[in-house]
């Protein structure tokens, strides 16, 4: 082997090491962004399912009571409701939204293991059909 070939050998190892480090750095960044997107999609799925569940109970007979369990983003500890139909939680992924037909008999419901358990009931109050969450 020539002397120049011996000197080139360590350069290959340095180049391979640099490429591996760059792949790890960019890979971890992509994984972090993917987890963030996953949590955001859990919120969107929760919002759509929650609104559909309220609509489903609204269309049932008065007195109908159905229990539900919905998955939430990982950092949600409780979900709070107002009588004007506002649904909110303290989370970087959760955005406040409104459900027209929803009324509440509780202020907040604690989330356990990223699952919100609640009951919706179709009621008639003052001649108006509403859905009450408890």
N, C-alpha and C. Protein backbone atom coordinates (compact mmCIF):
# COMPACT_ATOMS: atom_id res chain seq x y z
N UNK A 1 0.83 -1.17 0.00
CA UNK A 1 0.00 0.00 0.00
C UNK A 1 0.87 1.24 0.00
N UNK A 2 0.37 2.23 -0.70
CA UNK A 2 1.11 3.47 -0.73
C UNK A 2 0.78 4.30 0.49
N UNK A 3 1.63 5.24 0.78
CA UNK A 3 1.48 6.08 1.95
C UNK A 3 0.20 6.92 1.87
N UNK A 4 -0.16 7.39 0.72
CA UNK A 4 -1.36 8.22 0.54
C UNK A 4 -2.62 7.40 0.81
N UNK A 5 -2.62 6.13 0.46
CA UNK A 5 -3.77 5.27 0.72
C UNK A 5 -3.96 5.05 2.22
N UNK A 6 -2.88 4.94 2.97
CA UNK A 6 -2.97 4.77 4.41
C UNK A 6 -3.56 6.01 5.08
N UNK A 7 -3.25 7.18 4.57
CA UNK A 7 -3.75 8.43 5.14
C UNK A 7 -5.23 8.63 4.80
N UNK A 8 -5.70 8.09 3.72
CA UNK A 8 -7.10 8.25 3.30
C UNK A 8 -8.04 7.40 4.14
N UNK A 9 -7.55 6.31 4.68
CA UNK A 9 -8.38 5.38 5.46
C UNK A 9 -9.04 6.05 6.68
N UNK A 10 -8.32 6.78 7.51
CA UNK A 10 -8.97 7.46 8.64
C UNK A 10 -9.99 8.51 8.20
N UNK A 11 -9.78 9.11 7.06
CA UNK A 11 -10.73 10.11 6.56
C UNK A 11 -12.09 9.47 6.26
N UNK A 12 -12.09 8.24 5.80
CA UNK A 12 -13.36 7.54 5.57
C UNK A 12 -14.12 7.37 6.88
N UNK A 13 -13.40 6.97 7.93
CA UNK A 13 -14.04 6.78 9.23
C UNK A 13 -14.60 8.09 9.78
N UNK A 14 -13.86 9.16 9.62
CA UNK A 14 -14.33 10.47 10.07
C UNK A 14 -15.57 10.87 9.28
N UNK A 15 -15.55 10.67 7.98
CA UNK A 15 -16.70 11.01 7.13
C UNK A 15 -17.93 10.18 7.53
N UNK A 16 -17.75 8.87 7.74
CA UNK A 16 -18.85 8.00 8.14
C UNK A 16 -19.39 8.43 9.50
N UNK A 17 -18.52 8.77 10.43
CA UNK A 17 -18.94 9.23 11.75
C UNK A 17 -19.77 10.52 11.65
N UNK A 18 -19.34 11.45 10.83
CA UNK A 18 -20.08 12.71 10.64
C UNK A 18 -21.46 12.43 10.04
N UNK A 19 -21.53 11.57 9.06
CA UNK A 19 -22.82 11.24 8.43
C UNK A 19 -23.76 10.57 9.44
N UNK A 20 -23.24 9.65 10.25
CA UNK A 20 -24.06 8.97 11.25
C UNK A 20 -24.60 9.97 12.27
N UNK A 21 -23.76 10.87 12.75
CA UNK A 21 -24.18 11.88 13.72
C UNK A 21 -25.26 12.78 13.12
N UNK A 22 -25.09 13.22 11.88
CA UNK A 22 -26.11 14.06 11.23
C UNK A 22 -27.43 13.32 11.06
N UNK A 23 -27.37 12.05 10.71
CA UNK A 23 -28.60 11.26 10.58
C UNK A 23 -29.30 11.15 11.92
N UNK A 24 -28.56 10.93 13.00
CA UNK A 24 -29.17 10.84 14.33
C UNK A 24 -29.79 12.17 14.75
N UNK A 25 -29.10 13.27 14.52
CA UNK A 25 -29.63 14.58 14.91
C UNK A 25 -30.92 14.89 14.14
N UNK A 26 -30.89 14.75 12.83
CA UNK A 26 -32.08 15.05 12.03
C UNK A 26 -33.19 14.03 12.30
N UNK A 27 -32.83 12.80 12.58
CA UNK A 27 -33.83 11.76 12.89
C UNK A 27 -34.57 12.06 14.17
N UNK A 28 -33.85 12.49 15.20
CA UNK A 28 -34.49 12.84 16.47
C UNK A 28 -35.41 14.04 16.30
N UNK A 29 -35.00 15.00 15.50
CA UNK A 29 -35.84 16.17 15.23
C UNK A 29 -37.14 15.76 14.54
N UNK A 30 -37.04 14.89 13.57
CA UNK A 30 -38.23 14.42 12.84
C UNK A 30 -39.14 13.62 13.77
N UNK A 31 -38.57 12.80 14.63
CA UNK A 31 -39.37 12.02 15.58
C UNK A 31 -40.12 12.94 16.53
N UNK A 32 -39.46 14.00 17.01
CA UNK A 32 -40.12 14.98 17.88
C UNK A 32 -41.28 15.66 17.19
N UNK A 33 -41.08 16.05 15.94
CA UNK A 33 -42.16 16.69 15.18
C UNK A 33 -43.30 15.71 14.91
N UNK A 34 -42.98 14.46 14.70
CA UNK A 34 -44.00 13.44 14.47
C UNK A 34 -44.86 13.22 15.71
N UNK A 35 -44.24 13.20 16.90
CA UNK A 35 -45.01 13.06 18.15
C UNK A 35 -45.91 14.26 18.36
N UNK A 36 -45.41 15.45 18.04
CA UNK A 36 -46.21 16.67 18.16
C UNK A 36 -47.43 16.60 17.23
N UNK A 37 -47.22 16.16 16.02
CA UNK A 37 -48.32 16.02 15.06
C UNK A 37 -49.32 14.96 15.52
N UNK A 38 -48.84 13.89 16.13
CA UNK A 38 -49.71 12.84 16.64
C UNK A 38 -50.63 13.38 17.74
N UNK A 39 -50.08 14.18 18.66
CA UNK A 39 -50.89 14.75 19.74
C UNK A 39 -51.91 15.74 19.20
N UNK A 40 -51.52 16.52 18.20
CA UNK A 40 -52.47 17.46 17.58
C UNK A 40 -53.61 16.70 16.90
N UNK A 41 -53.27 15.58 16.27
CA UNK A 41 -54.32 14.80 15.61
C UNK A 41 -55.26 14.15 16.62
N UNK A 42 -54.75 13.81 17.82
CA UNK A 42 -55.62 13.28 18.87
C UNK A 42 -56.66 14.32 19.28
N UNK A 43 -56.24 15.59 19.36
CA UNK A 43 -57.20 16.64 19.70
C UNK A 43 -58.26 16.76 18.62
N UNK A 44 -57.86 16.78 17.36
CA UNK A 44 -58.83 16.91 16.26
C UNK A 44 -59.80 15.73 16.28
N UNK A 45 -59.28 14.54 16.51
CA UNK A 45 -60.13 13.35 16.59
C UNK A 45 -61.11 13.47 17.77
N UNK A 46 -60.62 13.94 18.92
CA UNK A 46 -61.49 14.13 20.08
C UNK A 46 -62.60 15.13 19.76
N UNK A 47 -62.25 16.25 19.17
CA UNK A 47 -63.23 17.30 18.86
C UNK A 47 -64.33 16.77 17.93
N UNK A 48 -63.94 16.10 16.88
CA UNK A 48 -64.91 15.56 15.92
C UNK A 48 -65.80 14.52 16.59
N UNK A 49 -65.19 13.58 17.33
CA UNK A 49 -65.96 12.53 17.99
C UNK A 49 -66.90 13.12 19.04
N UNK A 50 -66.42 14.11 19.81
CA UNK A 50 -67.25 14.73 20.85
C UNK A 50 -68.47 15.42 20.22
N UNK A 51 -68.25 16.20 19.16
CA UNK A 51 -69.36 16.88 18.49
C UNK A 51 -70.35 15.87 17.90
N UNK A 52 -69.83 14.80 17.31
CA UNK A 52 -70.71 13.76 16.75
C UNK A 52 -71.52 13.06 17.84
N UNK A 53 -70.90 12.82 19.00
CA UNK A 53 -71.61 12.19 20.11
C UNK A 53 -72.73 13.10 20.63
N UNK A 54 -72.46 14.39 20.75
CA UNK A 54 -73.48 15.34 21.19
C UNK A 54 -74.63 15.36 20.18
N UNK A 55 -74.31 15.42 18.89
CA UNK A 55 -75.36 15.41 17.85
C UNK A 55 -76.17 14.12 17.91
N UNK A 56 -75.49 12.99 18.12
CA UNK A 56 -76.16 11.70 18.20
C UNK A 56 -77.18 11.68 19.35
N UNK A 57 -76.77 12.13 20.53
CA UNK A 57 -77.67 12.13 21.69
C UNK A 57 -78.78 13.17 21.50
N UNK A 58 -78.48 14.27 20.87
CA UNK A 58 -79.48 15.32 20.61
C UNK A 58 -80.64 14.79 19.77
N UNK A 59 -80.34 13.90 18.85
CA UNK A 59 -81.37 13.35 17.96
C UNK A 59 -82.14 12.19 18.58
N UNK A 60 -81.74 11.72 19.74
CA UNK A 60 -82.44 10.63 20.42
C UNK A 60 -83.65 11.16 21.19
N UNK A 61 -84.42 10.26 21.76
CA UNK A 61 -85.59 10.63 22.57
C UNK A 61 -85.15 11.29 23.87
N UNK A 62 -85.98 12.20 24.40
CA UNK A 62 -85.67 12.81 25.70
C UNK A 62 -85.50 11.73 26.77
N UNK A 63 -84.51 11.92 27.63
CA UNK A 63 -84.22 10.95 28.68
C UNK A 63 -83.15 9.96 28.29
N UNK A 64 -82.74 9.96 27.01
CA UNK A 64 -81.69 9.06 26.58
C UNK A 64 -80.37 9.46 27.23
N UNK A 65 -79.69 8.48 27.79
CA UNK A 65 -78.42 8.72 28.49
C UNK A 65 -77.40 7.72 27.96
N UNK A 66 -76.28 8.23 27.43
CA UNK A 66 -75.25 7.35 26.86
C UNK A 66 -73.89 7.76 27.43
N UNK A 67 -73.11 6.76 27.85
CA UNK A 67 -71.76 7.01 28.36
C UNK A 67 -70.74 6.83 27.23
N UNK A 68 -69.70 7.66 27.28
CA UNK A 68 -68.65 7.64 26.26
C UNK A 68 -67.28 7.68 26.91
N UNK A 69 -66.29 7.23 26.15
CA UNK A 69 -64.88 7.34 26.51
C UNK A 69 -64.14 7.81 25.27
N UNK A 70 -63.42 8.94 25.40
CA UNK A 70 -62.66 9.46 24.27
C UNK A 70 -61.21 9.70 24.66
N UNK A 71 -60.32 9.45 23.72
CA UNK A 71 -58.89 9.64 23.94
C UNK A 71 -58.52 11.11 23.74
N UNK A 72 -57.56 11.57 24.56
CA UNK A 72 -57.10 12.96 24.52
C UNK A 72 -55.59 13.03 24.39
N UNK A 73 -55.05 14.21 24.03
CA UNK A 73 -53.59 14.37 24.03
C UNK A 73 -53.00 14.09 25.40
N UNK A 74 -51.74 13.76 25.43
CA UNK A 74 -51.08 13.26 26.63
C UNK A 74 -51.01 14.27 27.77
N UNK A 75 -51.00 15.55 27.49
CA UNK A 75 -50.82 16.53 28.56
C UNK A 75 -52.12 17.10 29.12
N UNK A 76 -53.27 16.57 28.71
CA UNK A 76 -54.55 17.05 29.22
C UNK A 76 -54.86 16.36 30.55
N UNK A 77 -55.07 17.15 31.60
CA UNK A 77 -55.37 16.60 32.92
C UNK A 77 -56.86 16.69 33.25
N UNK A 78 -57.54 17.72 32.72
CA UNK A 78 -58.99 17.83 32.90
C UNK A 78 -59.56 18.67 31.77
N UNK A 79 -60.84 18.40 31.48
CA UNK A 79 -61.56 19.14 30.45
C UNK A 79 -62.69 19.87 31.15
N UNK A 80 -62.83 21.17 30.85
CA UNK A 80 -63.84 22.00 31.51
C UNK A 80 -64.91 22.42 30.51
N UNK A 81 -66.13 22.59 31.04
CA UNK A 81 -67.30 22.92 30.21
C UNK A 81 -68.01 24.13 30.81
N UNK A 82 -68.56 24.98 29.95
CA UNK A 82 -69.40 26.10 30.38
C UNK A 82 -70.80 25.89 29.84
N UNK A 83 -71.78 26.57 30.45
CA UNK A 83 -73.17 26.42 29.99
C UNK A 83 -73.41 27.01 28.60
N UNK A 84 -72.49 27.80 28.09
CA UNK A 84 -72.65 28.33 26.74
C UNK A 84 -72.11 27.36 25.68
N UNK A 85 -71.70 26.17 26.11
CA UNK A 85 -71.23 25.14 25.18
C UNK A 85 -69.74 25.16 24.94
N UNK A 86 -69.02 25.95 25.72
CA UNK A 86 -67.57 26.03 25.56
C UNK A 86 -66.89 24.81 26.18
N UNK A 87 -65.95 24.24 25.44
CA UNK A 87 -65.16 23.09 25.90
C UNK A 87 -63.70 23.52 25.87
N UNK A 88 -63.02 23.43 27.02
CA UNK A 88 -61.62 23.87 27.06
C UNK A 88 -60.80 23.01 28.01
N UNK A 89 -59.48 23.06 27.82
CA UNK A 89 -58.54 22.36 28.68
C UNK A 89 -57.20 23.07 28.59
N UNK A 90 -56.39 22.94 29.64
CA UNK A 90 -55.06 23.54 29.60
C UNK A 90 -54.10 22.52 29.00
N UNK A 91 -53.76 22.75 27.75
CA UNK A 91 -52.88 21.86 27.02
C UNK A 91 -52.31 22.62 25.84
N UNK A 92 -51.10 22.29 25.46
CA UNK A 92 -50.53 22.96 24.29
C UNK A 92 -51.18 22.46 23.00
N UNK A 93 -51.84 21.32 23.04
CA UNK A 93 -52.46 20.75 21.85
C UNK A 93 -53.97 21.01 21.77
N UNK A 94 -54.59 21.35 22.89
CA UNK A 94 -56.05 21.47 22.98
C UNK A 94 -56.46 22.92 22.72
N UNK A 95 -57.40 23.11 21.81
CA UNK A 95 -57.92 24.45 21.52
C UNK A 95 -59.38 24.50 21.95
N UNK A 96 -59.77 25.62 22.54
CA UNK A 96 -61.15 25.79 22.99
C UNK A 96 -62.09 25.74 21.78
N UNK A 97 -63.23 25.06 21.96
CA UNK A 97 -64.24 25.02 20.91
C UNK A 97 -65.62 25.05 21.54
N UNK A 98 -66.65 25.27 20.73
CA UNK A 98 -68.02 25.40 21.21
C UNK A 98 -68.90 24.34 20.58
N UNK A 99 -69.85 23.83 21.39
CA UNK A 99 -70.86 22.89 20.91
C UNK A 99 -72.21 23.49 21.29
N UNK A 100 -72.98 23.86 20.28
CA UNK A 100 -74.23 24.63 20.49
C UNK A 100 -75.22 23.99 21.45
N UNK A 101 -75.48 22.73 21.29
CA UNK A 101 -76.57 22.08 22.03
C UNK A 101 -76.15 21.60 23.41
N UNK A 102 -74.92 21.83 23.81
CA UNK A 102 -74.37 21.27 25.04
C UNK A 102 -74.60 22.18 26.24
N UNK A 103 -75.07 21.57 27.33
CA UNK A 103 -75.17 22.23 28.64
C UNK A 103 -74.47 21.33 29.64
N UNK A 104 -74.17 21.86 30.82
CA UNK A 104 -73.37 21.06 31.75
C UNK A 104 -73.96 21.04 33.14
N UNK A 105 -73.75 19.92 33.82
CA UNK A 105 -74.10 19.82 35.23
C UNK A 105 -72.82 19.73 36.07
N UNK A 106 -71.67 19.71 35.39
CA UNK A 106 -70.35 19.69 36.05
C UNK A 106 -69.50 20.79 35.41
N UNK A 107 -68.53 21.28 36.16
CA UNK A 107 -67.63 22.29 35.58
C UNK A 107 -66.47 21.64 34.84
N UNK A 108 -65.82 20.67 35.48
CA UNK A 108 -64.65 20.02 34.88
C UNK A 108 -64.71 18.52 35.14
N UNK A 109 -64.14 17.77 34.21
CA UNK A 109 -64.04 16.32 34.35
C UNK A 109 -62.56 15.96 34.28
N UNK A 110 -62.09 15.18 35.25
CA UNK A 110 -60.69 14.77 35.31
C UNK A 110 -60.43 13.68 34.27
N UNK A 111 -59.30 13.78 33.61
CA UNK A 111 -58.89 12.81 32.60
C UNK A 111 -57.97 11.79 33.26
N UNK A 112 -58.24 10.50 33.06
CA UNK A 112 -57.40 9.44 33.62
C UNK A 112 -56.84 8.61 32.48
N UNK A 113 -55.52 8.45 32.47
CA UNK A 113 -54.83 7.66 31.43
C UNK A 113 -55.16 8.15 30.03
N UNK A 114 -55.25 9.46 29.87
CA UNK A 114 -55.54 10.11 28.58
C UNK A 114 -56.91 9.76 28.03
N UNK A 115 -57.83 9.31 28.90
CA UNK A 115 -59.19 8.96 28.50
C UNK A 115 -60.17 9.83 29.27
N UNK A 116 -61.08 10.47 28.56
CA UNK A 116 -62.15 11.25 29.19
C UNK A 116 -63.41 10.40 29.19
N UNK A 117 -63.93 10.13 30.40
CA UNK A 117 -65.17 9.36 30.54
C UNK A 117 -66.27 10.34 30.93
N UNK A 118 -67.38 10.30 30.19
CA UNK A 118 -68.49 11.21 30.45
C UNK A 118 -69.79 10.61 29.98
N UNK A 119 -70.88 11.20 30.43
CA UNK A 119 -72.23 10.76 30.05
C UNK A 119 -72.97 11.93 29.44
N UNK A 120 -73.65 11.67 28.34
CA UNK A 120 -74.49 12.68 27.69
C UNK A 120 -75.94 12.27 27.84
N UNK A 121 -76.80 13.23 28.16
CA UNK A 121 -78.22 12.95 28.34
C UNK A 121 -79.05 13.96 27.57
N UNK A 122 -80.02 13.46 26.82
CA UNK A 122 -80.97 14.32 26.10
C UNK A 122 -82.03 14.77 27.08
N UNK A 123 -82.21 16.10 27.20
CA UNK A 123 -83.19 16.66 28.13
C UNK A 123 -83.98 17.76 27.42
N UNK A 124 -85.18 18.00 27.94
CA UNK A 124 -85.96 19.14 27.49
C UNK A 124 -86.05 20.10 28.67
N UNK A 125 -85.51 21.31 28.48
CA UNK A 125 -85.50 22.34 29.52
C UNK A 125 -86.16 23.58 28.94
N UNK A 126 -87.23 24.04 29.60
CA UNK A 126 -87.98 25.22 29.13
C UNK A 126 -88.40 25.09 27.67
N UNK A 127 -88.82 23.89 27.29
CA UNK A 127 -89.30 23.65 25.94
C UNK A 127 -88.19 23.53 24.90
N UNK A 128 -86.94 23.55 25.33
CA UNK A 128 -85.80 23.46 24.41
C UNK A 128 -85.07 22.14 24.65
N UNK A 129 -84.75 21.44 23.55
CA UNK A 129 -83.99 20.21 23.66
C UNK A 129 -82.51 20.54 23.79
N UNK A 130 -81.88 19.98 24.82
CA UNK A 130 -80.45 20.18 25.04
C UNK A 130 -79.79 18.84 25.33
N UNK A 131 -78.48 18.85 25.31
CA UNK A 131 -77.71 17.68 25.71
C UNK A 131 -76.89 18.10 26.92
N UNK A 132 -77.06 17.36 28.02
CA UNK A 132 -76.35 17.68 29.26
C UNK A 132 -75.22 16.69 29.47
N UNK A 133 -74.05 17.22 29.81
CA UNK A 133 -72.90 16.35 30.08
C UNK A 133 -72.72 16.22 31.58
N UNK A 134 -72.39 15.02 32.00
CA UNK A 134 -72.13 14.79 33.43
C UNK A 134 -71.03 13.76 33.57
